[in-house]
Amino acid sequence: MLFRRRHPLRFHQRLHHFMWPKRGWGRALRYYGKRLLRLSGTPHSIAAGFAAGVALAMTPFIGFHYLLCFVAAFLVRGNVLAAVLGTTIGNPLTFPFIWFLTFEAGNAVLGLFGRAGQAKTAEELAHRLLTDSFHNIWPVFEPMLIGSIPVAIVAGGISYVAVYYAAEAFQSSRRERFAIRRRELHGSRP
């Protein structure tokens, strides 16, 4: 293989690089941003796919986000790879914040403030999600499910607008660069 490592990384090394990139999070985020903008497709399909992925990352259906993003990208005629990149917004570092936000939004929608048995902190919420049975978890899951709807709409809308304009600007500047390069190589013909 052309760009393969001479000595492959072990599992714990790959896990370390995944959790903490070698060159830092800034570079990793710039890389994924450029990768998103360089996808082939219209700005609408890229933005729709990314927005669908971000919206589905806000739902409490852990383990099904990628499967759901494939379906959602197909339904909104979005780019599937952009949807996968959008779904990565929900990761082990951001899930506690997303869960707490959807839980609080669900409580606001349902009007369940002060009801006994509710989780008070993000740590308690995460602990109950991972340890309780479904019967005991429903008082936590229900507000998260209801709260994920407005959070997903807002997050998806914001990400659609941002990615649409970024993709449109990137593609137009890319076309201009290619046109200039083509004129320089072939010269302007009358």
C-alpha atoms as a PDB file:
ATOM      1  CA  MET A   1       0.000   0.000   0.000  1.00  0.00           C
ATOM      2  CA  LEU A   2       1.308   3.423  -0.904  1.00  0.00           C
ATOM      3  CA  PHE A   3       0.579   5.471   2.235  1.00  0.00           C
ATOM      4  CA  ARG A   4       0.500   2.710   4.805  1.00  0.00           C
ATOM      5  CA  ARG A   5       2.446   2.871   8.066  1.00  0.00           C
ATOM      6  CA  ARG A   6       5.540   0.757   8.252  1.00  0.00           C
ATOM      7  CA  HIS A   7       4.602  -0.264  11.803  1.00  0.00           C
ATOM      8  CA  PRO A   8       0.799  -0.272  12.225  1.00  0.00           C
ATOM      9  CA  LEU A   9      -0.614   1.338  15.353  1.00  0.00           C
ATOM     10  CA  ARG A  10      -1.926  -0.890  18.099  1.00  0.00           C
ATOM     11  CA  PHE A  11      -5.512  -0.643  19.245  1.00  0.00           C
ATOM     12  CA  HIS A  12      -4.790   1.535  22.274  1.00  0.00           C
ATOM     13  CA  GLN A  13      -2.686   3.890  20.114  1.00  0.00           C
ATOM     14  CA  ARG A  14      -5.500   4.246  17.571  1.00  0.00           C
ATOM     15  CA  LEU A  15      -7.953   4.872  20.399  1.00  0.00           C
ATOM     16  CA  HIS A  16      -5.624   7.525  21.847  1.00  0.00           C
ATOM     17  CA  HIS A  17      -5.314   9.260  18.459  1.00  0.00           C
ATOM     18  CA  PHE A  18      -9.078   9.134  18.028  1.00  0.00           C
ATOM     19  CA  MET A  19      -9.797  10.672  21.435  1.00  0.00           C
ATOM     20  CA  TRP A  20      -6.939  13.178  21.300  1.00  0.00           C
ATOM     21  CA  PRO A  21      -5.642  13.897  17.772  1.00  0.00           C
ATOM     22  CA  LYS A  22      -1.866  14.050  17.431  1.00  0.00           C
ATOM     23  CA  ARG A  23      -1.844  17.559  15.978  1.00  0.00           C
ATOM     24  CA  GLY A  24      -4.700  18.903  18.109  1.00  0.00           C
ATOM     25  CA  TRP A  25      -8.443  19.354  17.851  1.00  0.00           C
ATOM     26  CA  GLY A  26      -8.187  22.567  15.835  1.00  0.00           C
ATOM     27  CA  ARG A  27      -6.468  20.843  12.966  1.00  0.00           C
ATOM     28  CA  ALA A  28      -8.854  17.887  13.119  1.00  0.00           C
ATOM     29  CA  LEU A  29     -11.884  20.210  12.981  1.00  0.00           C
ATOM     30  CA  ARG A  30     -10.397  22.164  10.057  1.00  0.00           C
ATOM     31  CA  TYR A  31      -9.763  18.867   8.253  1.00  0.00           C
ATOM     32  CA  TYR A  32     -13.359  17.713   8.664  1.00  0.00           C
ATOM     33  CA  GLY A  33     -14.621  21.155   7.651  1.00  0.00           C
ATOM     34  CA  LYS A  34     -12.613  21.065   4.435  1.00  0.00           C
ATOM     35  CA  ARG A  35     -13.715  17.512   3.832  1.00  0.00           C
ATOM     36  CA  LEU A  36     -17.337  18.589   4.172  1.00  0.00           C
ATOM     37  CA  LEU A  37     -16.947  21.514   1.775  1.00  0.00           C
ATOM     38  CA  ARG A  38     -15.110  19.431  -0.819  1.00  0.00           C
ATOM     39  CA  LEU A  39     -17.909  16.891  -1.144  1.00  0.00           C
ATOM     40  CA  SER A  40     -19.385  16.651  -4.590  1.00  0.00           C
ATOM     41  CA  GLY A  41     -22.935  17.831  -4.886  1.00  0.00           C
ATOM     42  CA  THR A  42     -24.967  20.971  -4.787  1.00  0.00           C
ATOM     43  CA  PRO A  43     -24.747  23.253  -1.770  1.00  0.00           C
ATOM     44  CA  HIS A  44     -28.336  22.260  -0.940  1.00  0.00           C
ATOM     45  CA  SER A  45     -27.598  18.522  -0.900  1.00  0.00           C
ATOM     46  CA  ILE A  46     -24.487  18.987   1.238  1.00  0.00           C
ATOM     47  CA  ALA A  47     -26.265  21.310   3.668  1.00  0.00           C
ATOM     48  CA  ALA A  48     -29.402  19.154   3.813  1.00  0.00           C
ATOM     49  CA  GLY A  49     -27.385  16.030   4.552  1.00  0.00           C
ATOM     50  CA  PHE A  50     -25.303  17.753   7.229  1.00  0.00           C
ATOM     51  CA  ALA A  51     -28.393  19.298   8.836  1.00  0.00           C
ATOM     52  CA  ALA A  52     -30.131  15.923   8.886  1.00  0.00           C
ATOM     53  CA  GLY A  53     -27.108  14.391  10.593  1.00  0.00           C
ATOM     54  CA  VAL A  54     -26.890  17.173  13.186  1.00  0.00           C
ATOM     55  CA  ALA A  55     -30.626  16.973  13.890  1.00  0.00           C
ATOM     56  CA  LEU A  56     -30.477  13.215  14.402  1.00  0.00           C
ATOM     57  CA  ALA A  57     -27.455  13.539  16.683  1.00  0.00           C
ATOM     58  CA  MET A  58     -29.750  15.423  19.084  1.00  0.00           C
ATOM     59  CA  THR A  59     -32.102  12.447  19.495  1.00  0.00           C
ATOM     60  CA  PRO A  60     -31.672   9.984  22.377  1.00  0.00           C
ATOM     61  CA  PHE A  61     -31.518   6.959  20.044  1.00  0.00           C
ATOM     62  CA  ILE A  62     -27.908   6.066  20.818  1.00  0.00           C
ATOM     63  CA  GLY A  63     -26.560   3.409  18.508  1.00  0.00           C
ATOM     64  CA  PHE A  64     -29.035   4.186  15.739  1.00  0.00           C
ATOM     65  CA  HIS A  65     -27.832   7.662  14.745  1.00  0.00           C
ATOM     66  CA  TYR A  66     -25.920   6.506  11.686  1.00  0.00           C
ATOM     67  CA  LEU A  67     -28.711   4.248  10.439  1.00  0.00           C
ATOM     68  CA  LEU A  68     -31.242   7.020  10.927  1.00  0.00           C
ATOM     69  CA  CYS A  69     -29.018   9.581   9.188  1.00  0.00           C
ATOM     70  CA  PHE A  70     -28.823   7.372   6.079  1.00  0.00           C
ATOM     71  CA  VAL A  71     -32.616   7.251   5.933  1.00  0.00           C
ATOM     72  CA  ALA A  72     -33.024  10.971   6.678  1.00  0.00           C
ATOM     73  CA  ALA A  73     -30.425  11.960   4.064  1.00  0.00           C
ATOM     74  CA  PHE A  74     -32.257   9.858   1.503  1.00  0.00           C
ATOM     75  CA  LEU A  75     -35.612  11.430   2.417  1.00  0.00           C
ATOM     76  CA  VAL A  76     -34.370  15.026   2.204  1.00  0.00           C
ATOM     77  CA  ARG A  77     -32.227  14.218  -0.851  1.00  0.00           C
ATOM     78  CA  GLY A  78     -29.110  15.200   1.023  1.00  0.00           C
ATOM     79  CA  ASN A  79     -25.564  13.987   0.707  1.00  0.00           C
ATOM     80  CA  VAL A  80     -25.132  10.818   2.773  1.00  0.00           C
ATOM     81  CA  LEU A  81     -21.476  11.504   3.594  1.00  0.00           C
ATOM     82  CA  ALA A  82     -22.419  14.981   4.814  1.00  0.00           C
ATOM     83  CA  ALA A  83     -25.093  13.380   6.997  1.00  0.00           C
ATOM     84  CA  VAL A  84     -22.499  11.057   8.523  1.00  0.00           C
ATOM     85  CA  LEU A  85     -20.199  14.023   9.200  1.00  0.00           C
ATOM     86  CA  GLY A  86     -23.138  15.875  10.771  1.00  0.00           C
ATOM     87  CA  THR A  87     -23.937  12.926  12.992  1.00  0.00           C
ATOM     88  CA  THR A  88     -20.428  12.997  14.418  1.00  0.00           C
ATOM     89  CA  ILE A  89     -21.456  16.180  16.256  1.00  0.00           C
ATOM     90  CA  GLY A  90     -22.908  13.704  18.743  1.00  0.00           C
ATOM     91  CA  ASN A  91     -19.875  11.995  20.263  1.00  0.00           C
ATOM     92  CA  PRO A  92     -18.810  10.925  23.759  1.00  0.00           C
ATOM     93  CA  LEU A  93     -17.537  14.428  24.495  1.00  0.00           C
ATOM     94  CA  THR A  94     -20.746  16.221  23.487  1.00  0.00           C
ATOM     95  CA  PHE A  95     -23.429  13.694  24.482  1.00  0.00           C
ATOM     96  CA  PRO A  96     -23.673  14.812  28.128  1.00  0.00           C
ATOM     97  CA  PHE A  97     -24.358  18.391  27.009  1.00  0.00           C
ATOM     98  CA  ILE A  98     -26.835  17.274  24.341  1.00  0.00           C
ATOM     99  CA  TRP A  99     -28.657  14.994  26.784  1.00  0.00           C
ATOM    100  CA  PHE A 100     -28.894  17.701  29.418  1.00  0.00           C
ATOM    101  CA  LEU A 101     -30.094  20.265  26.850  1.00  0.00           C
ATOM    102  CA  THR A 102     -32.764  17.941  25.437  1.00  0.00           C
ATOM    103  CA  PHE A 103     -33.814  16.898  28.941  1.00  0.00           C
ATOM    104  CA  GLU A 104     -34.260  20.505  30.044  1.00  0.00           C
ATOM    105  CA  ALA A 105     -36.067  21.409  26.817  1.00  0.00           C
ATOM    106  CA  GLY A 106     -38.368  18.416  27.273  1.00  0.00           C
ATOM    107  CA  ASN A 107     -39.099  19.444  30.838  1.00  0.00           C
ATOM    108  CA  ALA A 108     -39.916  22.944  29.625  1.00  0.00           C
ATOM    109  CA  VAL A 109     -42.235  21.596  26.934  1.00  0.00           C
ATOM    110  CA  LEU A 110     -43.951  19.093  29.211  1.00  0.00           C
ATOM    111  CA  GLY A 111     -44.076  21.434  32.204  1.00  0.00           C
ATOM    112  CA  LEU A 112     -42.515  18.856  34.498  1.00  0.00           C
ATOM    113  CA  PHE A 113     -40.412  21.173  36.653  1.00  0.00           C
ATOM    114  CA  GLY A 114     -40.204  20.003  40.243  1.00  0.00           C
ATOM    115  CA  ARG A 115     -41.598  16.511  39.615  1.00  0.00           C
ATOM    116  CA  ALA A 116     -40.106  13.980  42.040  1.00  0.00           C
ATOM    117  CA  GLY A 117     -37.650  11.446  40.671  1.00  0.00           C
ATOM    118  CA  GLN A 118     -36.188  13.702  38.005  1.00  0.00           C
ATOM    119  CA  ALA A 119     -32.443  13.951  37.469  1.00  0.00           C
ATOM    120  CA  LYS A 120     -30.982  17.181  38.794  1.00  0.00           C
ATOM    121  CA  THR A 121     -27.522  17.199  37.206  1.00  0.00           C
ATOM    122  CA  ALA A 122     -25.907  15.996  34.007  1.00  0.00           C
ATOM    123  CA  GLU A 123     -23.960  13.332  35.917  1.00  0.00           C
ATOM    124  CA  GLU A 124     -27.113  11.943  37.518  1.00  0.00           C
ATOM    125  CA  LEU A 125     -28.857  12.001  34.143  1.00  0.00           C
ATOM    126  CA  ALA A 126     -26.006  10.088  32.461  1.00  0.00           C
ATOM    127  CA  HIS A 127     -25.895   7.589  35.345  1.00  0.00           C
ATOM    128  CA  ARG A 128     -29.640   6.921  35.137  1.00  0.00           C
ATOM    129  CA  LEU A 129     -29.494   6.529  31.357  1.00  0.00           C
ATOM    130  CA  LEU A 130     -26.799   3.891  31.606  1.00  0.00           C
ATOM    131  CA  THR A 131     -27.962   1.910  34.657  1.00  0.00           C
ATOM    132  CA  ASP A 132     -31.753   1.949  35.036  1.00  0.00           C
ATOM    133  CA  SER A 133     -34.260  -0.338  33.371  1.00  0.00           C
ATOM    134  CA  PHE A 134     -36.719   0.996  30.785  1.00  0.00           C
ATOM    135  CA  HIS A 135     -39.557   1.301  33.300  1.00  0.00           C
ATOM    136  CA  ASN A 136     -37.396   3.423  35.547  1.00  0.00           C
ATOM    137  CA  ILE A 137     -35.781   5.257  32.665  1.00  0.00           C
ATOM    138  CA  TRP A 138     -39.022   6.394  30.982  1.00  0.00           C
ATOM    139  CA  PRO A 139     -39.356   9.508  33.210  1.00  0.00           C
ATOM    140  CA  VAL A 140     -35.938  10.564  31.893  1.00  0.00           C
ATOM    141  CA  PHE A 141     -36.316   9.282  28.321  1.00  0.00           C
ATOM    142  CA  GLU A 142     -39.697  10.922  27.691  1.00  0.00           C
ATOM    143  CA  PRO A 143     -38.519  14.520  28.284  1.00  0.00           C
ATOM    144  CA  MET A 144     -35.377  13.820  26.276  1.00  0.00           C
ATOM    145  CA  LEU A 145     -37.417  12.484  23.373  1.00  0.00           C
ATOM    146  CA  ILE A 146     -39.843  15.427  23.455  1.00  0.00           C
ATOM    147  CA  GLY A 147     -37.042  17.950  24.037  1.00  0.00           C
ATOM    148  CA  SER A 148     -34.955  16.614  21.179  1.00  0.00           C
ATOM    149  CA  ILE A 149     -37.534  17.812  18.646  1.00  0.00           C
ATOM    150  CA  PRO A 150     -37.147  21.594  19.149  1.00  0.00           C
ATOM    151  CA  VAL A 151     -33.395  21.240  19.783  1.00  0.00           C
ATOM    152  CA  ALA A 152     -33.011  19.219  16.558  1.00  0.00           C
ATOM    153  CA  ILE A 153     -35.027  21.763  14.563  1.00  0.00           C
ATOM    154  CA  VAL A 154     -32.929  24.673  15.826  1.00  0.00           C
ATOM    155  CA  ALA A 155     -29.571  22.869  15.480  1.00  0.00           C
ATOM    156  CA  GLY A 156     -30.490  21.502  12.042  1.00  0.00           C
ATOM    157  CA  GLY A 157     -31.686  24.902  10.814  1.00  0.00           C
ATOM    158  CA  ILE A 158     -28.574  26.704  11.995  1.00  0.00           C
ATOM    159  CA  SER A 159     -26.268  24.070  10.532  1.00  0.00           C
ATOM    160  CA  TYR A 160     -28.180  24.060   7.204  1.00  0.00           C
ATOM    161  CA  VAL A 161     -27.800  27.809   6.752  1.00  0.00           C
ATOM    162  CA  ALA A 162     -24.132  27.836   7.795  1.00  0.00           C
ATOM    163  CA  VAL A 163     -23.117  24.873   5.618  1.00  0.00           C
ATOM    164  CA  TYR A 164     -25.181  26.045   2.620  1.00  0.00           C
ATOM    165  CA  TYR A 165     -23.489  29.439   2.454  1.00  0.00           C
ATOM    166  CA  ALA A 166     -20.049  27.969   3.201  1.00  0.00           C
ATOM    167  CA  ALA A 167     -20.415  25.316   0.480  1.00  0.00           C
ATOM    168  CA  GLU A 168     -21.758  27.852  -2.014  1.00  0.00           C
ATOM    169  CA  ALA A 169     -18.848  30.248  -1.353  1.00  0.00           C
ATOM    170  CA  PHE A 170     -16.287  27.445  -1.497  1.00  0.00           C
ATOM    171  CA  GLN A 171     -17.629  26.030  -4.751  1.00  0.00           C
ATOM    172  CA  SER A 172     -17.822  29.432  -6.463  1.00  0.00           C
ATOM    173  CA  SER A 173     -14.271  30.344  -5.404  1.00  0.00           C
ATOM    174  CA  ARG A 174     -13.096  26.937  -6.578  1.00  0.00           C
ATOM    175  CA  ARG A 175     -14.727  27.463  -9.985  1.00  0.00           C
ATOM    176  CA  GLU A 176     -13.035  30.864 -10.269  1.00  0.00           C
ATOM    177  CA  ARG A 177      -9.624  29.393  -9.361  1.00  0.00           C
ATOM    178  CA  PHE A 178     -10.038  26.660 -11.979  1.00  0.00           C
ATOM    179  CA  ALA A 179     -11.106  29.207 -14.617  1.00  0.00           C
ATOM    180  CA  ILE A 180      -8.033  31.359 -13.896  1.00  0.00           C
ATOM    181  CA  ARG A 181      -5.774  28.316 -14.033  1.00  0.00           C
ATOM    182  CA  ARG A 182      -7.394  27.193 -17.320  1.00  0.00           C
ATOM    183  CA  ARG A 183      -6.852  30.654 -18.846  1.00  0.00           C
ATOM    184  CA  GLU A 184      -3.217  30.655 -17.709  1.00  0.00           C
ATOM    185  CA  LEU A 185      -2.559  27.216 -19.169  1.00  0.00           C
ATOM    186  CA  HIS A 186      -4.401  27.601 -22.452  1.00  0.00           C
ATOM    187  CA  GLY A 187      -4.232  31.346 -22.874  1.00  0.00           C
ATOM    188  CA  SER A 188      -7.210  33.450 -23.801  1.00  0.00           C
ATOM    189  CA  ARG A 189      -8.357  32.636 -27.303  1.00  0.00           C
ATOM    190  CA  PRO A 190     -10.385  35.152 -29.307  1.00  0.00           C
END
